[in-house]
Amino acid sequence: MPAASSLKVLIVDDQQTMRSLVRTGLEQLGFKDFQEAGDGEAGLRCVLTQPPSLVISDYNMPKLDGLGLLRAIRSHEPIRTTAFIMLTGRADKELVQRAVQFGVNNYLVKPFTVAQLKGKIEAVFGVLT
């Protein structure tokens, strides 16, 4: 049972408003250590330089989308096991299947509640303390 405050989270979304909503939800759950990136390329640079415990990434972004970011993370040995939750406004079965093929840990559809966010994170890490 990890403490939420001990997990470092990278939030990747091209919309500042959505990054703020995710961050606020995480803060309500007790998370304290955050990084943010506005696109997949910036997110990948963050993961490579300061690996987080968890990446929460939008699917649809400029430069490098969420699937591209996931594939890049899974192809780099030192960060291959980084937990990854895909965040998107689309409940597209094909997208979910592709994300699963690339090793996504969980999937969250926008809009979401803090309880849903918590459930998705706990499905990856176990019950948060």
C-alpha atoms as a PDB file:
ATOM      1  CA  MET A   1       0.000   0.000   0.000  1.00  0.00           C
ATOM      2  CA  PRO A   2       1.897   3.045  -1.186  1.00  0.00           C
ATOM      3  CA  ALA A   3       1.386   6.469   0.287  1.00  0.00           C
ATOM      4  CA  ALA A   4       0.060   8.871  -2.315  1.00  0.00           C
ATOM      5  CA  SER A   5       2.540  11.455  -1.065  1.00  0.00           C
ATOM      6  CA  SER A   6       5.443   9.130  -1.976  1.00  0.00           C
ATOM      7  CA  LEU A   7       4.481   8.781  -5.657  1.00  0.00           C
ATOM      8  CA  LYS A   8       5.781  11.223  -8.252  1.00  0.00           C
ATOM      9  CA  VAL A   9       3.262  11.947 -11.038  1.00  0.00           C
ATOM     10  CA  LEU A  10       3.784  13.387 -14.508  1.00  0.00           C
ATOM     11  CA  ILE A  11       0.640  14.935 -16.021  1.00  0.00           C
ATOM     12  CA  VAL A  12       0.810  15.277 -19.816  1.00  0.00           C
ATOM     13  CA  ASP A  13      -1.953  17.195 -21.598  1.00  0.00           C
ATOM     14  CA  ASP A  14      -1.954  19.983 -24.147  1.00  0.00           C
ATOM     15  CA  GLN A  15      -4.717  21.808 -22.243  1.00  0.00           C
ATOM     16  CA  GLN A  16      -3.597  23.689 -19.137  1.00  0.00           C
ATOM     17  CA  THR A  17      -7.138  23.485 -17.734  1.00  0.00           C
ATOM     18  CA  MET A  18      -7.119  19.690 -17.879  1.00  0.00           C
ATOM     19  CA  ARG A  19      -3.659  19.500 -16.299  1.00  0.00           C
ATOM     20  CA  SER A  20      -4.988  21.681 -13.476  1.00  0.00           C
ATOM     21  CA  LEU A  21      -8.071  19.476 -13.013  1.00  0.00           C
ATOM     22  CA  VAL A  22      -5.942  16.335 -12.829  1.00  0.00           C
ATOM     23  CA  ARG A  23      -3.515  17.997 -10.439  1.00  0.00           C
ATOM     24  CA  THR A  24      -6.335  19.225  -8.179  1.00  0.00           C
ATOM     25  CA  GLY A  25      -7.817  15.725  -8.076  1.00  0.00           C
ATOM     26  CA  LEU A  26      -4.439  14.229  -7.238  1.00  0.00           C
ATOM     27  CA  GLU A  27      -3.873  16.806  -4.496  1.00  0.00           C
ATOM     28  CA  GLN A  28      -7.237  15.843  -2.973  1.00  0.00           C
ATOM     29  CA  LEU A  29      -5.984  12.251  -2.897  1.00  0.00           C
ATOM     30  CA  GLY A  30      -2.793  13.237  -1.052  1.00  0.00           C
ATOM     31  CA  PHE A  31      -0.307  13.427  -3.929  1.00  0.00           C
ATOM     32  CA  LYS A  32       2.371  16.091  -3.530  1.00  0.00           C
ATOM     33  CA  ASP A  33       5.067  15.546  -6.171  1.00  0.00           C
ATOM     34  CA  PHE A  34       4.106  16.640  -9.695  1.00  0.00           C
ATOM     35  CA  GLN A  35       5.574  17.463 -13.074  1.00  0.00           C
ATOM     36  CA  GLU A  36       3.561  18.758 -16.010  1.00  0.00           C
ATOM     37  CA  ALA A  37       4.112  18.726 -19.754  1.00  0.00           C
ATOM     38  CA  GLY A  38       2.051  20.280 -22.547  1.00  0.00           C
ATOM     39  CA  ASP A  39       2.693  17.634 -25.203  1.00  0.00           C
ATOM     40  CA  GLY A  40       4.049  14.125 -25.614  1.00  0.00           C
ATOM     41  CA  GLU A  41       7.551  15.185 -26.639  1.00  0.00           C
ATOM     42  CA  ALA A  42       7.942  17.348 -23.535  1.00  0.00           C
ATOM     43  CA  GLY A  43       6.461  14.517 -21.470  1.00  0.00           C
ATOM     44  CA  LEU A  44       9.001  12.047 -22.823  1.00  0.00           C
ATOM     45  CA  ARG A  45      11.855  14.436 -21.981  1.00  0.00           C
ATOM     46  CA  CYS A  46      10.511  14.662 -18.409  1.00  0.00           C
ATOM     47  CA  VAL A  47      10.253  10.873 -18.071  1.00  0.00           C
ATOM     48  CA  LEU A  48      13.774  10.372 -19.396  1.00  0.00           C
ATOM     49  CA  THR A  49      15.352  12.993 -17.109  1.00  0.00           C
ATOM     50  CA  GLN A  50      13.301  12.550 -13.921  1.00  0.00           C
ATOM     51  CA  PRO A  51      11.352   9.270 -14.090  1.00  0.00           C
ATOM     52  CA  PRO A  52       8.000   9.485 -12.293  1.00  0.00           C
ATOM     53  CA  SER A  53       6.117   6.686 -10.568  1.00  0.00           C
ATOM     54  CA  LEU A  54       3.055   7.392 -12.716  1.00  0.00           C
ATOM     55  CA  VAL A  55       2.312   9.121 -16.016  1.00  0.00           C
ATOM     56  CA  ILE A  56      -1.228  10.358 -16.605  1.00  0.00           C
ATOM     57  CA  SER A  57      -1.383  11.341 -20.253  1.00  0.00           C
ATOM     58  CA  ASP A  58      -4.002  12.642 -22.618  1.00  0.00           C
ATOM     59  CA  TYR A  59      -4.354  10.695 -25.844  1.00  0.00           C
ATOM     60  CA  ASN A  60      -4.893  13.502 -28.341  1.00  0.00           C
ATOM     61  CA  MET A  61      -1.959  15.950 -28.275  1.00  0.00           C
ATOM     62  CA  PRO A  62       0.297  17.738 -30.747  1.00  0.00           C
ATOM     63  CA  LYS A  63       3.838  16.603 -31.562  1.00  0.00           C
ATOM     64  CA  LEU A  64       3.516  13.166 -29.928  1.00  0.00           C
ATOM     65  CA  ASP A  65       0.155  11.706 -28.917  1.00  0.00           C
ATOM     66  CA  GLY A  66      -0.482   9.577 -25.846  1.00  0.00           C
ATOM     67  CA  LEU A  67       0.003   6.275 -27.672  1.00  0.00           C
ATOM     68  CA  GLY A  68       3.310   7.511 -29.076  1.00  0.00           C
ATOM     69  CA  LEU A  69       4.410   8.560 -25.602  1.00  0.00           C
ATOM     70  CA  LEU A  70       3.384   5.184 -24.180  1.00  0.00           C
ATOM     71  CA  ARG A  71       5.258   3.318 -26.925  1.00  0.00           C
ATOM     72  CA  ALA A  72       8.377   5.432 -26.357  1.00  0.00           C
ATOM     73  CA  ILE A  73       8.300   4.789 -22.607  1.00  0.00           C
ATOM     74  CA  ARG A  74       7.811   1.042 -23.096  1.00  0.00           C
ATOM     75  CA  SER A  75      10.753   0.927 -25.518  1.00  0.00           C
ATOM     76  CA  HIS A  76      13.295   2.454 -23.076  1.00  0.00           C
ATOM     77  CA  GLU A  77      14.567  -0.169 -20.634  1.00  0.00           C
ATOM     78  CA  PRO A  78      15.182   2.081 -17.599  1.00  0.00           C
ATOM     79  CA  ILE A  79      11.639   3.513 -17.709  1.00  0.00           C
ATOM     80  CA  ARG A  80       9.793   0.594 -19.317  1.00  0.00           C
ATOM     81  CA  THR A  81       7.821  -0.270 -16.164  1.00  0.00           C
ATOM     82  CA  THR A  82       6.637   3.274 -15.413  1.00  0.00           C
ATOM     83  CA  ALA A  83       2.908   3.136 -14.605  1.00  0.00           C
ATOM     84  CA  PHE A  84       0.808   4.795 -17.322  1.00  0.00           C
ATOM     85  CA  ILE A  85      -2.844   5.867 -17.287  1.00  0.00           C
ATOM     86  CA  MET A  86      -4.304   7.104 -20.577  1.00  0.00           C
ATOM     87  CA  LEU A  87      -6.714  10.029 -20.206  1.00  0.00           C
ATOM     88  CA  THR A  88      -9.009  10.856 -23.095  1.00  0.00           C
ATOM     89  CA  GLY A  89     -12.374  12.219 -24.068  1.00  0.00           C
ATOM     90  CA  ARG A  90     -12.993   9.221 -26.309  1.00  0.00           C
ATOM     91  CA  ALA A  91     -14.375   5.912 -25.093  1.00  0.00           C
ATOM     92  CA  ASP A  92     -13.139   4.263 -28.286  1.00  0.00           C
ATOM     93  CA  LYS A  93     -12.795   0.465 -28.064  1.00  0.00           C
ATOM     94  CA  GLU A  94     -10.106   0.371 -30.770  1.00  0.00           C
ATOM     95  CA  LEU A  95      -8.037   3.019 -28.967  1.00  0.00           C
ATOM     96  CA  VAL A  96      -8.301   1.101 -25.690  1.00  0.00           C
ATOM     97  CA  GLN A  97      -7.196  -2.111 -27.428  1.00  0.00           C
ATOM     98  CA  ARG A  98      -4.196  -0.362 -28.992  1.00  0.00           C
ATOM     99  CA  ALA A  99      -3.242   1.165 -25.646  1.00  0.00           C
ATOM    100  CA  VAL A 100      -3.455  -2.278 -24.019  1.00  0.00           C
ATOM    101  CA  GLN A 101      -1.229  -3.705 -26.764  1.00  0.00           C
ATOM    102  CA  PHE A 102       1.367  -1.048 -25.968  1.00  0.00           C
ATOM    103  CA  GLY A 103       1.230  -1.750 -22.221  1.00  0.00           C
ATOM    104  CA  VAL A 104      -1.074   0.882 -20.724  1.00  0.00           C
ATOM    105  CA  ASN A 105      -1.843   0.189 -17.064  1.00  0.00           C
ATOM    106  CA  ASN A 106      -5.271   1.821 -17.044  1.00  0.00           C
ATOM    107  CA  TYR A 107      -7.593   4.117 -18.960  1.00  0.00           C
ATOM    108  CA  LEU A 108      -9.711   7.066 -17.764  1.00  0.00           C
ATOM    109  CA  VAL A 109     -12.374   8.819 -19.842  1.00  0.00           C
ATOM    110  CA  LYS A 110     -12.997  12.573 -19.465  1.00  0.00           C
ATOM    111  CA  PRO A 111     -14.898  13.996 -17.724  1.00  0.00           C
ATOM    112  CA  PHE A 112     -13.958  12.091 -14.585  1.00  0.00           C
ATOM    113  CA  THR A 113     -14.520  12.362 -10.853  1.00  0.00           C
ATOM    114  CA  VAL A 114     -11.855  12.257  -8.156  1.00  0.00           C
ATOM    115  CA  ALA A 115     -13.294   8.903  -7.068  1.00  0.00           C
ATOM    116  CA  GLN A 116     -12.846   7.515 -10.588  1.00  0.00           C
ATOM    117  CA  LEU A 117      -9.281   8.853 -10.716  1.00  0.00           C
ATOM    118  CA  LYS A 118      -8.549   7.236  -7.358  1.00  0.00           C
ATOM    119  CA  GLY A 119     -10.016   3.927  -8.510  1.00  0.00           C
ATOM    120  CA  LYS A 120      -7.874   3.879 -11.649  1.00  0.00           C
ATOM    121  CA  ILE A 121      -4.708   4.677  -9.684  1.00  0.00           C
ATOM    122  CA  GLU A 122      -5.496   2.084  -7.012  1.00  0.00           C
ATOM    123  CA  ALA A 123      -6.062  -0.526  -9.717  1.00  0.00           C
ATOM    124  CA  VAL A 124      -2.412   0.050 -10.673  1.00  0.00           C
ATOM    125  CA  PHE A 125      -0.742   0.568  -7.275  1.00  0.00           C
ATOM    126  CA  GLY A 126      -3.142  -0.944  -4.753  1.00  0.00           C
ATOM    127  CA  VAL A 127      -4.958   0.939  -2.040  1.00  0.00           C
ATOM    128  CA  LEU A 128      -3.425   4.352  -1.396  1.00  0.00           C
ATOM    129  CA  THR A 129      -2.647   5.437   2.130  1.00  0.00           C
END
